Amino acid sequence: MKGSISISERSNVTWFPKTLIKQGFKGRVEFILNTATITLIHPNASLDDIETSLKMILKDIQLRRKLARENRAPMGVEEGSVSKEATP
């Protein structure tokens, strides 16, 4: 699933799509982040589930990069959209 979240700079409140809440992302949700991405961890996910999920996301990113290089970019993140200062 691809989507977006809204973050209020003024109140530090973040709004997530209702579909995430229906899938169990509610209450206290752990995350892993670096300067380019954030991964929300489902409360019932095992380490194996998390690894499998991240591998699937990586394959999606690789496909998006390939399509972008062939000038057939899908909607969403495009290669080079994060500044070099923001990457580790």
Protein backbone atom coordinates (compact mmCIF):
# COMPACT_ATOMS: atom_id res chain seq x y z
CA MET A 1 0.00 0.00 0.00
CA LYS A 2 1.23 3.45 -0.84
CA GLY A 3 -0.16 6.58 0.74
CA SER A 4 0.74 9.69 2.63
CA ILE A 5 0.41 11.08 6.12
CA SER A 6 -0.17 14.63 7.28
CA ILE A 7 2.05 16.10 9.98
CA SER A 8 1.13 19.35 11.70
CA GLU A 9 4.25 21.37 12.47
CA ARG A 10 2.32 23.51 14.90
CA SER A 11 0.84 20.75 17.08
CA ASN A 12 3.11 17.78 16.20
CA VAL A 13 -0.02 15.75 15.48
CA THR A 14 0.16 13.19 12.69
CA TRP A 15 -2.90 11.99 10.78
CA PHE A 16 -2.81 8.52 9.27
CA PRO A 17 -5.24 7.02 6.75
CA LYS A 18 -8.12 5.09 8.34
CA THR A 19 -7.05 1.96 6.46
CA LEU A 20 -3.86 1.81 8.58
CA ILE A 21 -5.85 2.03 11.79
CA LYS A 22 -8.21 -0.70 10.57
CA GLN A 23 -5.15 -2.89 9.90
CA GLY A 24 -4.05 -2.57 13.54
CA PHE A 25 -1.72 0.43 13.53
CA LYS A 26 -3.19 2.09 16.61
CA GLY A 27 -2.10 2.96 20.09
CA ARG A 28 1.64 2.96 20.55
CA VAL A 29 3.37 2.03 17.25
CA GLU A 30 7.13 1.51 17.07
CA PHE A 31 9.16 2.87 14.17
CA ILE A 32 12.66 2.74 12.70
CA LEU A 33 13.94 5.79 10.86
CA ASN A 34 16.93 7.35 9.23
CA THR A 35 17.29 10.61 7.34
CA ALA A 36 15.48 9.32 4.23
CA THR A 37 12.77 6.90 5.40
CA ILE A 38 10.60 5.77 8.29
CA THR A 39 9.28 2.27 8.84
CA LEU A 40 6.24 1.79 11.07
CA ILE A 41 6.24 -1.58 12.84
CA HIS A 42 2.87 -3.31 13.19
CA PRO A 43 2.30 -4.21 16.85
CA ASN A 44 1.90 -7.93 16.00
CA ALA A 45 4.76 -8.19 13.47
CA SER A 46 7.62 -10.58 14.12
CA LEU A 47 11.18 -9.79 13.07
CA ASP A 48 10.72 -12.21 10.15
CA ASP A 49 7.55 -10.36 9.11
CA ILE A 50 9.40 -7.03 9.23
CA GLU A 51 12.32 -8.35 7.18
CA THR A 52 9.99 -9.85 4.54
CA SER A 53 8.04 -6.60 4.34
CA LEU A 54 11.17 -4.48 3.91
CA LYS A 55 12.45 -6.81 1.18
CA MET A 56 9.15 -6.36 -0.69
CA ILE A 57 9.41 -2.58 -0.36
CA LEU A 58 13.01 -2.68 -1.61
CA LYS A 59 11.89 -4.66 -4.69
CA ASP A 60 9.19 -2.05 -5.32
CA ILE A 61 11.76 0.76 -5.11
CA GLN A 62 14.08 -1.08 -7.49
CA LEU A 63 11.23 -1.49 -9.99
CA ARG A 64 10.33 2.22 -9.69
CA ARG A 65 13.98 3.15 -10.34
CA LYS A 66 14.09 0.87 -13.39
CA LEU A 67 10.87 2.34 -14.78
CA ALA A 68 12.11 5.88 -14.13
CA ARG A 69 15.30 5.17 -16.07
CA GLU A 70 13.16 3.89 -18.94
CA ASN A 71 11.04 7.08 -18.73
CA ARG A 72 8.05 5.07 -17.59
CA ALA A 73 8.05 6.34 -14.01
CA PRO A 74 5.06 5.27 -11.90
CA MET A 75 3.32 7.72 -9.61
CA GLY A 76 5.26 8.40 -6.45
CA VAL A 77 8.84 8.72 -5.41
CA GLU A 78 11.26 9.40 -8.23
CA GLU A 79 14.98 8.85 -8.29
CA GLY A 80 16.87 11.83 -6.91
CA SER A 81 13.91 13.31 -5.02
CA VAL A 82 15.73 13.35 -1.65
CA SER A 83 18.51 15.88 -1.28
CA LYS A 84 22.02 14.55 -0.81
CA GLU A 85 22.22 16.40 2.52
CA ALA A 86 19.32 14.31 3.83
CA THR A 87 20.83 10.94 2.98
CA PRO A 88 23.19 9.02 5.27
